[in-house]
All heavy atoms as atom14 arrays in JSON, in Angstrom:
{
  "sequence": "HSKGNISVVGIAGPGDPFANADKTITTIDLVRKKYPDII",
  "atom14_mask": [
    [1, 1, 1, 1, 1, 1, 1, 1, 1, 1, 0, 0, 0, 0],
    [1, 1, 1, 1, 1, 1, 0, 0, 0, 0, 0, 0, 0, 0],
    [1, 1, 1, 1, 1, 1, 1, 1, 1, 0, 0, 0, 0, 0],
    [1, 1, 1, 1, 0, 0, 0, 0, 0, 0, 0, 0, 0, 0],
    [1, 1, 1, 1, 1, 1, 1, 1, 0, 0, 0, 0, 0, 0],
    [1, 1, 1, 1, 1, 1, 1, 1, 0, 0, 0, 0, 0, 0],
    [1, 1, 1, 1, 1, 1, 0, 0, 0, 0, 0, 0, 0, 0],
    [1, 1, 1, 1, 1, 1, 1, 0, 0, 0, 0, 0, 0, 0],
    [1, 1, 1, 1, 1, 1, 1, 0, 0, 0, 0, 0, 0, 0],
    [1, 1, 1, 1, 0, 0, 0, 0, 0, 0, 0, 0, 0, 0],
    [1, 1, 1, 1, 1, 1, 1, 1, 0, 0, 0, 0, 0, 0],
    [1, 1, 1, 1, 1, 0, 0, 0, 0, 0, 0, 0, 0, 0],
    [1, 1, 1, 1, 0, 0, 0, 0, 0, 0, 0, 0, 0, 0],
    [1, 1, 1, 1, 1, 1, 1, 0, 0, 0, 0, 0, 0, 0],
    [1, 1, 1, 1, 0, 0, 0, 0, 0, 0, 0, 0, 0, 0],
    [1, 1, 1, 1, 1, 1, 1, 1, 0, 0, 0, 0, 0, 0],
    [1, 1, 1, 1, 1, 1, 1, 0, 0, 0, 0, 0, 0, 0],
    [1, 1, 1, 1, 1, 1, 1, 1, 1, 1, 1, 0, 0, 0],
    [1, 1, 1, 1, 1, 0, 0, 0, 0, 0, 0, 0, 0, 0],
    [1, 1, 1, 1, 1, 1, 1, 1, 0, 0, 0, 0, 0, 0],
    [1, 1, 1, 1, 1, 0, 0, 0, 0, 0, 0, 0, 0, 0],
    [1, 1, 1, 1, 1, 1, 1, 1, 0, 0, 0, 0, 0, 0],
    [1, 1, 1, 1, 1, 1, 1, 1, 1, 0, 0, 0, 0, 0],
    [1, 1, 1, 1, 1, 1, 1, 0, 0, 0, 0, 0, 0, 0],
    [1, 1, 1, 1, 1, 1, 1, 1, 0, 0, 0, 0, 0, 0],
    [1, 1, 1, 1, 1, 1, 1, 0, 0, 0, 0, 0, 0, 0],
    [1, 1, 1, 1, 1, 1, 1, 0, 0, 0, 0, 0, 0, 0],
    [1, 1, 1, 1, 1, 1, 1, 1, 0, 0, 0, 0, 0, 0],
    [1, 1, 1, 1, 1, 1, 1, 1, 0, 0, 0, 0, 0, 0],
    [1, 1, 1, 1, 1, 1, 1, 1, 0, 0, 0, 0, 0, 0],
    [1, 1, 1, 1, 1, 1, 1, 0, 0, 0, 0, 0, 0, 0],
    [1, 1, 1, 1, 1, 1, 1, 1, 1, 1, 1, 0, 0, 0],
    [1, 1, 1, 1, 1, 1, 1, 1, 1, 0, 0, 0, 0, 0],
    [1, 1, 1, 1, 1, 1, 1, 1, 1, 0, 0, 0, 0, 0],
    [1, 1, 1, 1, 1, 1, 1, 1, 1, 1, 1, 1, 0, 0],
    [1, 1, 1, 1, 1, 1, 1, 0, 0, 0, 0, 0, 0, 0],
    [1, 1, 1, 1, 1, 1, 1, 1, 0, 0, 0, 0, 0, 0],
    [1, 1, 1, 1, 1, 1, 1, 1, 0, 0, 0, 0, 0, 0],
    [1, 1, 1, 1, 1, 1, 1, 1, 0, 0, 0, 0, 0, 0]
  ],
  "atom14_positions": [
    [[-10.79, 0.16, 15.73], [-10.75, -0.44, 17.07], [-9.43, -0.14, 17.76], [-9.4, 0.12, 18.98], [-10.95, -1.96, 16.96], [-10.96, -2.64, 18.3], [-9.82, -3.22, 18.85], [-11.96, -2.85, 19.19], [-10.13, -3.73, 20.01], [-11.41, -3.53, 20.25], [0.0, 0.0, 0.0], [0.0, 0.0, 0.0], [0.0, 0.0, 0.0], [0.0, 0.0, 0.0]],
    [[-8.31, -0.13, 17.01], [-6.99, 0.08, 17.61], [-6.73, 1.53, 17.97], [-6.23, 1.83, 19.05], [-5.91, -0.42, 16.64], [-4.62, -0.08, 17.1], [0.0, 0.0, 0.0], [0.0, 0.0, 0.0], [0.0, 0.0, 0.0], [0.0, 0.0, 0.0], [0.0, 0.0, 0.0], [0.0, 0.0, 0.0], [0.0, 0.0, 0.0], [0.0, 0.0, 0.0]],
    [[-7.08, 2.44, 17.06], [-6.72, 3.85, 17.25], [-7.75, 4.61, 18.08], [-7.38, 5.43, 18.93], [-6.57, 4.52, 15.87], [-5.4, 3.99, 15.04], [-4.07, 4.43, 15.62], [-2.91, 3.98, 14.73], [-1.59, 4.38, 15.27], [0.0, 0.0, 0.0], [0.0, 0.0, 0.0], [0.0, 0.0, 0.0], [0.0, 0.0, 0.0], [0.0, 0.0, 0.0]],
    [[-9.02, 4.42, 17.77], [-10.06, 5.07, 18.55], [-10.32, 6.52, 18.21], [-11.27, 7.11, 18.75], [0.0, 0.0, 0.0], [0.0, 0.0, 0.0], [0.0, 0.0, 0.0], [0.0, 0.0, 0.0], [0.0, 0.0, 0.0], [0.0, 0.0, 0.0], [0.0, 0.0, 0.0], [0.0, 0.0, 0.0], [0.0, 0.0, 0.0], [0.0, 0.0, 0.0]],
    [[-9.49, 7.14, 17.35], [-9.69, 8.56, 17.06], [-9.76, 8.83, 15.55], [-9.48, 9.94, 15.09], [-8.56, 9.4, 17.67], [-7.19, 9.07, 17.05], [-7.03, 8.05, 16.37], [-6.21, 9.93, 17.28], [0.0, 0.0, 0.0], [0.0, 0.0, 0.0], [0.0, 0.0, 0.0], [0.0, 0.0, 0.0], [0.0, 0.0, 0.0], [0.0, 0.0, 0.0]],
    [[-10.12, 7.81, 14.77], [-10.17, 7.96, 13.32], [-11.47, 8.64, 12.92], [-12.57, 8.11, 13.17], [-10.04, 6.6, 12.61], [-8.71, 5.94, 12.94], [-10.22, 6.75, 11.1], [-7.49, 6.72, 12.47], [0.0, 0.0, 0.0], [0.0, 0.0, 0.0], [0.0, 0.0, 0.0], [0.0, 0.0, 0.0], [0.0, 0.0, 0.0], [0.0, 0.0, 0.0]],
    [[-11.37, 9.8, 12.31], [-12.56, 10.53, 11.87], [-12.68, 10.58, 10.36], [-13.75, 10.91, 9.84], [-12.53, 11.97, 12.41], [-11.41, 12.68, 11.89], [0.0, 0.0, 0.0], [0.0, 0.0, 0.0], [0.0, 0.0, 0.0], [0.0, 0.0, 0.0], [0.0, 0.0, 0.0], [0.0, 0.0, 0.0], [0.0, 0.0, 0.0], [0.0, 0.0, 0.0]],
    [[-11.59, 10.25, 9.65], [-11.57, 10.38, 8.19], [-11.04, 9.12, 7.54], [-10.01, 8.57, 7.97], [-10.69, 11.58, 7.75], [-10.67, 11.71, 6.22], [-11.17, 12.87, 8.38], [0.0, 0.0, 0.0], [0.0, 0.0, 0.0], [0.0, 0.0, 0.0], [0.0, 0.0, 0.0], [0.0, 0.0, 0.0], [0.0, 0.0, 0.0], [0.0, 0.0, 0.0]],
    [[-11.71, 8.65, 6.49], [-11.24, 7.56, 5.65], [-11.02, 8.11, 4.25], [-11.92, 8.73, 3.68], [-12.25, 6.4, 5.6], [-11.78, 5.32, 4.63], [-12.46, 5.82, 6.99], [0.0, 0.0, 0.0], [0.0, 0.0, 0.0], [0.0, 0.0, 0.0], [0.0, 0.0, 0.0], [0.0, 0.0, 0.0], [0.0, 0.0, 0.0], [0.0, 0.0, 0.0]],
    [[-9.81, 7.89, 3.72], [-9.49, 8.42, 2.4], [-8.98, 7.34, 1.47], [-8.43, 6.32, 1.9], [0.0, 0.0, 0.0], [0.0, 0.0, 0.0], [0.0, 0.0, 0.0], [0.0, 0.0, 0.0], [0.0, 0.0, 0.0], [0.0, 0.0, 0.0], [0.0, 0.0, 0.0], [0.0, 0.0, 0.0], [0.0, 0.0, 0.0], [0.0, 0.0, 0.0]],
    [[-9.16, 7.56, 0.17], [-8.56, 6.71, -0.86], [-7.71, 7.61, -1.73], [-8.22, 8.54, -2.36], [-9.63, 5.99, -1.7], [-10.49, 5.1, -0.81], [-8.98, 5.17, -2.81], [-11.63, 4.41, -1.54], [0.0, 0.0, 0.0], [0.0, 0.0, 0.0], [0.0, 0.0, 0.0], [0.0, 0.0, 0.0], [0.0, 0.0, 0.0], [0.0, 0.0, 0.0]],
    [[-6.4, 7.35, -1.72], [-5.46, 8.24, -2.4], [-4.38, 7.47, -3.15], [-3.26, 7.92, -3.27], [-4.82, 9.2, -1.39], [0.0, 0.0, 0.0], [0.0, 0.0, 0.0], [0.0, 0.0, 0.0], [0.0, 0.0, 0.0], [0.0, 0.0, 0.0], [0.0, 0.0, 0.0], [0.0, 0.0, 0.0], [0.0, 0.0, 0.0], [0.0, 0.0, 0.0]],
    [[-4.71, 6.27, -3.64], [-3.71, 5.56, -4.41], [-3.38, 4.19, -3.83], [-4.24, 3.55, -3.23], [0.0, 0.0, 0.0], [0.0, 0.0, 0.0], [0.0, 0.0, 0.0], [0.0, 0.0, 0.0], [0.0, 0.0, 0.0], [0.0, 0.0, 0.0], [0.0, 0.0, 0.0], [0.0, 0.0, 0.0], [0.0, 0.0, 0.0], [0.0, 0.0, 0.0]],
    [[-2.11, 3.81, -4.07], [-0.93, 4.57, -4.47], [-0.9, 5.01, -5.93], [-0.03, 5.78, -6.33], [0.23, 3.61, -4.19], [-0.39, 2.26, -4.31], [-1.77, 2.39, -3.79], [0.0, 0.0, 0.0], [0.0, 0.0, 0.0], [0.0, 0.0, 0.0], [0.0, 0.0, 0.0], [0.0, 0.0, 0.0], [0.0, 0.0, 0.0], [0.0, 0.0, 0.0]],
    [[-1.84, 4.5, -6.76], [-1.99, 5.0, -8.12], [-3.03, 6.1, -8.11], [-2.99, 7.02, -7.3], [0.0, 0.0, 0.0], [0.0, 0.0, 0.0], [0.0, 0.0, 0.0], [0.0, 0.0, 0.0], [0.0, 0.0, 0.0], [0.0, 0.0, 0.0], [0.0, 0.0, 0.0], [0.0, 0.0, 0.0], [0.0, 0.0, 0.0], [0.0, 0.0, 0.0]],
    [[-4.01, 6.0, -9.01], [-5.11, 6.96, -9.0], [-6.42, 6.21, -8.78], [-6.67, 5.18, -9.42], [-5.19, 7.73, -10.31], [-6.22, 8.84, -10.23], [-5.88, 9.93, -9.72], [-7.39, 8.62, -10.64], [0.0, 0.0, 0.0], [0.0, 0.0, 0.0], [0.0, 0.0, 0.0], [0.0, 0.0, 0.0], [0.0, 0.0, 0.0], [0.0, 0.0, 0.0]],
    [[-7.28, 6.69, -7.87], [-8.51, 5.99, -7.57], [-9.38, 5.69, -8.78], [-10.07, 4.66, -8.82], [-9.22, 6.94, -6.59], [-8.1, 7.63, -5.9], [-7.06, 7.84, -6.97], [0.0, 0.0, 0.0], [0.0, 0.0, 0.0], [0.0, 0.0, 0.0], [0.0, 0.0, 0.0], [0.0, 0.0, 0.0], [0.0, 0.0, 0.0], [0.0, 0.0, 0.0]],
    [[-9.35, 6.57, -9.79], [-10.24, 6.37, -10.93], [-9.54, 5.74, -12.13], [-10.14, 5.59, -13.2], [-10.94, 7.68, -11.27], [-11.75, 8.17, -10.12], [-11.33, 9.24, -9.35], [-12.9, 7.5, -9.73], [-12.05, 9.66, -8.25], [-13.63, 7.91, -8.63], [-13.21, 8.99, -7.89], [0.0, 0.0, 0.0], [0.0, 0.0, 0.0], [0.0, 0.0, 0.0]],
    [[-8.3, 5.31, -11.93], [-7.68, 4.35, -12.83], [-7.98, 2.94, -12.32], [-7.64, 1.95, -12.95], [-6.17, 4.58, -12.91], [0.0, 0.0, 0.0], [0.0, 0.0, 0.0], [0.0, 0.0, 0.0], [0.0, 0.0, 0.0], [0.0, 0.0, 0.0], [0.0, 0.0, 0.0], [0.0, 0.0, 0.0], [0.0, 0.0, 0.0], [0.0, 0.0, 0.0]],
    [[-8.58, 2.89, -11.14], [-9.0, 1.64, -10.48], [-10.43, 1.85, -9.98], [-10.75, 1.58, -8.82], [-8.09, 1.32, -9.3], [-6.62, 1.33, -9.62], [-6.01, 0.3, -9.82], [-6.02, 2.51, -9.68], [0.0, 0.0, 0.0], [0.0, 0.0, 0.0], [0.0, 0.0, 0.0], [0.0, 0.0, 0.0], [0.0, 0.0, 0.0], [0.0, 0.0, 0.0]],
    [[-11.29, 2.34, -10.85], [-12.6, 2.84, -10.42], [-13.46, 1.76, -9.75], [-14.14, 2.04, -8.76], [-13.34, 3.44, -11.61], [0.0, 0.0, 0.0], [0.0, 0.0, 0.0], [0.0, 0.0, 0.0], [0.0, 0.0, 0.0], [0.0, 0.0, 0.0], [0.0, 0.0, 0.0], [0.0, 0.0, 0.0], [0.0, 0.0, 0.0], [0.0, 0.0, 0.0]],
    [[-13.45, 0.55, -10.28], [-14.28, -0.51, -9.69], [-13.9, -0.77, -8.24], [-14.77, -0.88, -7.36], [-14.16, -1.8, -10.51], [-14.83, -1.7, -11.87], [-15.61, -0.76, -12.06], [-14.57, -2.56, -12.72], [0.0, 0.0, 0.0], [0.0, 0.0, 0.0], [0.0, 0.0, 0.0], [0.0, 0.0, 0.0], [0.0, 0.0, 0.0], [0.0, 0.0, 0.0]],
    [[-12.6, -0.86, -7.99], [-12.14, -1.11, -6.62], [-12.44, 0.08, -5.72], [-12.81, -0.08, -4.55], [-10.64, -1.42, -6.61], [-10.29, -2.75, -7.27], [-8.81, -3.04, -7.14], [-8.46, -4.38, -7.76], [-7.04, -4.74, -7.59], [0.0, 0.0, 0.0], [0.0, 0.0, 0.0], [0.0, 0.0, 0.0], [0.0, 0.0, 0.0], [0.0, 0.0, 0.0]],
    [[-12.27, 1.28, -6.27], [-12.52, 2.49, -5.47], [-13.98, 2.6, -5.08], [-14.3, 2.8, -3.89], [-12.09, 3.73, -6.27], [-10.68, 3.68, -6.5], [-12.43, 5.01, -5.52], [0.0, 0.0, 0.0], [0.0, 0.0, 0.0], [0.0, 0.0, 0.0], [0.0, 0.0, 0.0], [0.0, 0.0, 0.0], [0.0, 0.0, 0.0], [0.0, 0.0, 0.0]],
    [[-14.88, 2.46, -6.05], [-16.31, 2.59, -5.76], [-16.79, 1.47, -4.86], [-17.6, 1.68, -3.94], [-17.12, 2.64, -7.06], [-16.72, 3.86, -7.9], [-18.61, 2.67, -6.76], [-16.91, 5.2, -7.22], [0.0, 0.0, 0.0], [0.0, 0.0, 0.0], [0.0, 0.0, 0.0], [0.0, 0.0, 0.0], [0.0, 0.0, 0.0], [0.0, 0.0, 0.0]],
    [[-16.29, 0.24, -5.07], [-16.67, -0.87, -4.2], [-16.24, -0.61, -2.76], [-17.0, -0.86, -1.81], [-16.04, -2.18, -4.7], [-16.5, -2.47, -6.02], [-16.39, -3.35, -3.78], [0.0, 0.0, 0.0], [0.0, 0.0, 0.0], [0.0, 0.0, 0.0], [0.0, 0.0, 0.0], [0.0, 0.0, 0.0], [0.0, 0.0, 0.0], [0.0, 0.0, 0.0]],
    [[-15.01, -0.09, -2.59], [-14.51, 0.22, -1.24], [-15.36, 1.3, -0.59], [-15.73, 1.21, 0.59], [-13.05, 0.66, -1.31], [-12.27, -0.36, -1.94], [-12.5, 0.92, 0.09], [0.0, 0.0, 0.0], [0.0, 0.0, 0.0], [0.0, 0.0, 0.0], [0.0, 0.0, 0.0], [0.0, 0.0, 0.0], [0.0, 0.0, 0.0], [0.0, 0.0, 0.0]],
    [[-15.67, 2.34, -1.35], [-16.5, 3.43, -0.82], [-17.86, 2.89, -0.38], [-18.37, 3.25, 0.7], [-16.67, 4.53, -1.89], [-15.36, 5.29, -2.08], [-17.8, 5.5, -1.5], [-15.37, 6.26, -3.23], [0.0, 0.0, 0.0], [0.0, 0.0, 0.0], [0.0, 0.0, 0.0], [0.0, 0.0, 0.0], [0.0, 0.0, 0.0], [0.0, 0.0, 0.0]],
    [[-18.45, 2.02, -1.19], [-19.75, 1.43, -0.87], [-19.69, 0.64, 0.44], [-20.55, 0.78, 1.32], [-20.2, 0.53, -2.02], [-21.55, -0.1, -1.77], [-22.56, 0.62, -1.79], [-21.59, -1.33, -1.52], [0.0, 0.0, 0.0], [0.0, 0.0, 0.0], [0.0, 0.0, 0.0], [0.0, 0.0, 0.0], [0.0, 0.0, 0.0], [0.0, 0.0, 0.0]],
    [[-18.66, -0.19, 0.58], [-18.52, -1.0, 1.78], [-18.33, -0.13, 3.03], [-18.94, -0.39, 4.08], [-17.33, -1.95, 1.63], [-17.48, -3.08, 0.59], [-16.14, -3.79, 0.4], [-18.55, -4.06, 1.03], [0.0, 0.0, 0.0], [0.0, 0.0, 0.0], [0.0, 0.0, 0.0], [0.0, 0.0, 0.0], [0.0, 0.0, 0.0], [0.0, 0.0, 0.0]],
    [[-17.48, 0.89, 2.9], [-17.2, 1.76, 4.05], [-18.44, 2.56, 4.44], [-18.78, 2.66, 5.63], [-16.03, 2.71, 3.74], [-15.85, 3.73, 4.85], [-14.73, 1.91, 3.55], [0.0, 0.0, 0.0], [0.0, 0.0, 0.0], [0.0, 0.0, 0.0], [0.0, 0.0, 0.0], [0.0, 0.0, 0.0], [0.0, 0.0, 0.0], [0.0, 0.0, 0.0]],
    [[-19.13, 3.12, 3.44], [-20.28, 3.96, 3.75], [-21.4, 3.15, 4.41], [-22.08, 3.64, 5.32], [-20.78, 4.64, 2.47], [-21.95, 5.58, 2.67], [-21.69, 6.62, 3.75], [-20.9, 7.74, 3.28], [-20.07, 8.43, 4.06], [-19.91, 8.08, 5.33], [-19.41, 9.47, 3.59], [0.0, 0.0, 0.0], [0.0, 0.0, 0.0], [0.0, 0.0, 0.0]],
    [[-21.58, 1.89, 3.97], [-22.64, 1.06, 4.57], [-22.33, 0.73, 6.02], [-23.22, 0.71, 6.87], [-22.8, -0.22, 3.76], [-23.52, -0.01, 2.43], [-23.6, -1.29, 1.63], [-24.35, -1.08, 0.32], [-24.34, -2.31, -0.52], [0.0, 0.0, 0.0], [0.0, 0.0, 0.0], [0.0, 0.0, 0.0], [0.0, 0.0, 0.0], [0.0, 0.0, 0.0]],
    [[-21.06, 0.47, 6.34], [-20.73, 0.07, 7.71], [-20.46, 1.28, 8.61], [-20.71, 1.22, 9.82], [-19.51, -0.85, 7.7], [-19.22, -1.43, 9.08], [-18.38, -2.68, 9.01], [-18.27, -3.34, 10.37], [-17.47, -4.56, 10.35], [0.0, 0.0, 0.0], [0.0, 0.0, 0.0], [0.0, 0.0, 0.0], [0.0, 0.0, 0.0], [0.0, 0.0, 0.0]],
    [[-19.95, 2.37, 8.01], [-19.64, 3.57, 8.8], [-20.36, 4.77, 8.16], [-19.73, 5.63, 7.54], [-18.13, 3.81, 8.82], [-17.34, 2.72, 9.51], [-16.8, 1.66, 8.79], [-17.14, 2.74, 10.88], [-16.09, 0.65, 9.42], [-16.43, 1.74, 11.53], [-15.9, 0.7, 10.79], [-15.18, -0.3, 11.41], [0.0, 0.0, 0.0], [0.0, 0.0, 0.0]],
    [[-21.68, 4.84, 8.31], [-22.46, 5.88, 7.61], [-22.11, 7.31, 8.0], [-22.35, 8.23, 7.22], [-23.9, 5.53, 7.99], [-23.8, 4.73, 9.25], [-22.53, 3.96, 9.13], [0.0, 0.0, 0.0], [0.0, 0.0, 0.0], [0.0, 0.0, 0.0], [0.0, 0.0, 0.0], [0.0, 0.0, 0.0], [0.0, 0.0, 0.0], [0.0, 0.0, 0.0]],
    [[-21.54, 7.51, 9.19], [-21.27, 8.87, 9.65], [-19.81, 9.29, 9.51], [-19.46, 10.42, 9.85], [-21.68, 9.01, 11.12], [-23.16, 8.77, 11.32], [-23.94, 9.15, 10.42], [-23.54, 8.2, 12.36], [0.0, 0.0, 0.0], [0.0, 0.0, 0.0], [0.0, 0.0, 0.0], [0.0, 0.0, 0.0], [0.0, 0.0, 0.0], [0.0, 0.0, 0.0]],
    [[-18.96, 8.4, 9.01], [-17.54, 8.74, 8.93], [-17.29, 9.69, 7.76], [-18.0, 9.66, 6.75], [-16.68, 7.47, 8.81], [-15.26, 7.73, 9.34], [-16.63, 6.97, 7.35], [-14.51, 6.46, 9.69], [0.0, 0.0, 0.0], [0.0, 0.0, 0.0], [0.0, 0.0, 0.0], [0.0, 0.0, 0.0], [0.0, 0.0, 0.0], [0.0, 0.0, 0.0]],
    [[-16.3, 10.54, 7.9], [-15.91, 11.44, 6.82], [-15.16, 10.62, 5.78], [-14.2, 9.93, 6.11], [-15.03, 12.59, 7.35], [-15.79, 13.42, 8.38], [-14.56, 13.47, 6.2], [-14.93, 14.46, 9.08], [0.0, 0.0, 0.0], [0.0, 0.0, 0.0], [0.0, 0.0, 0.0], [0.0, 0.0, 0.0], [0.0, 0.0, 0.0], [0.0, 0.0, 0.0]]
  ]
}
């Protein structure tokens, strides 16, 4: 809402996404459901 030009959502830490796999996959699930077309 603030930026208006966000085309990409990334997960890059600050540790490793798959050392925190539950949180990473849960976040991906939430983002994909609400923003199905975002990169």
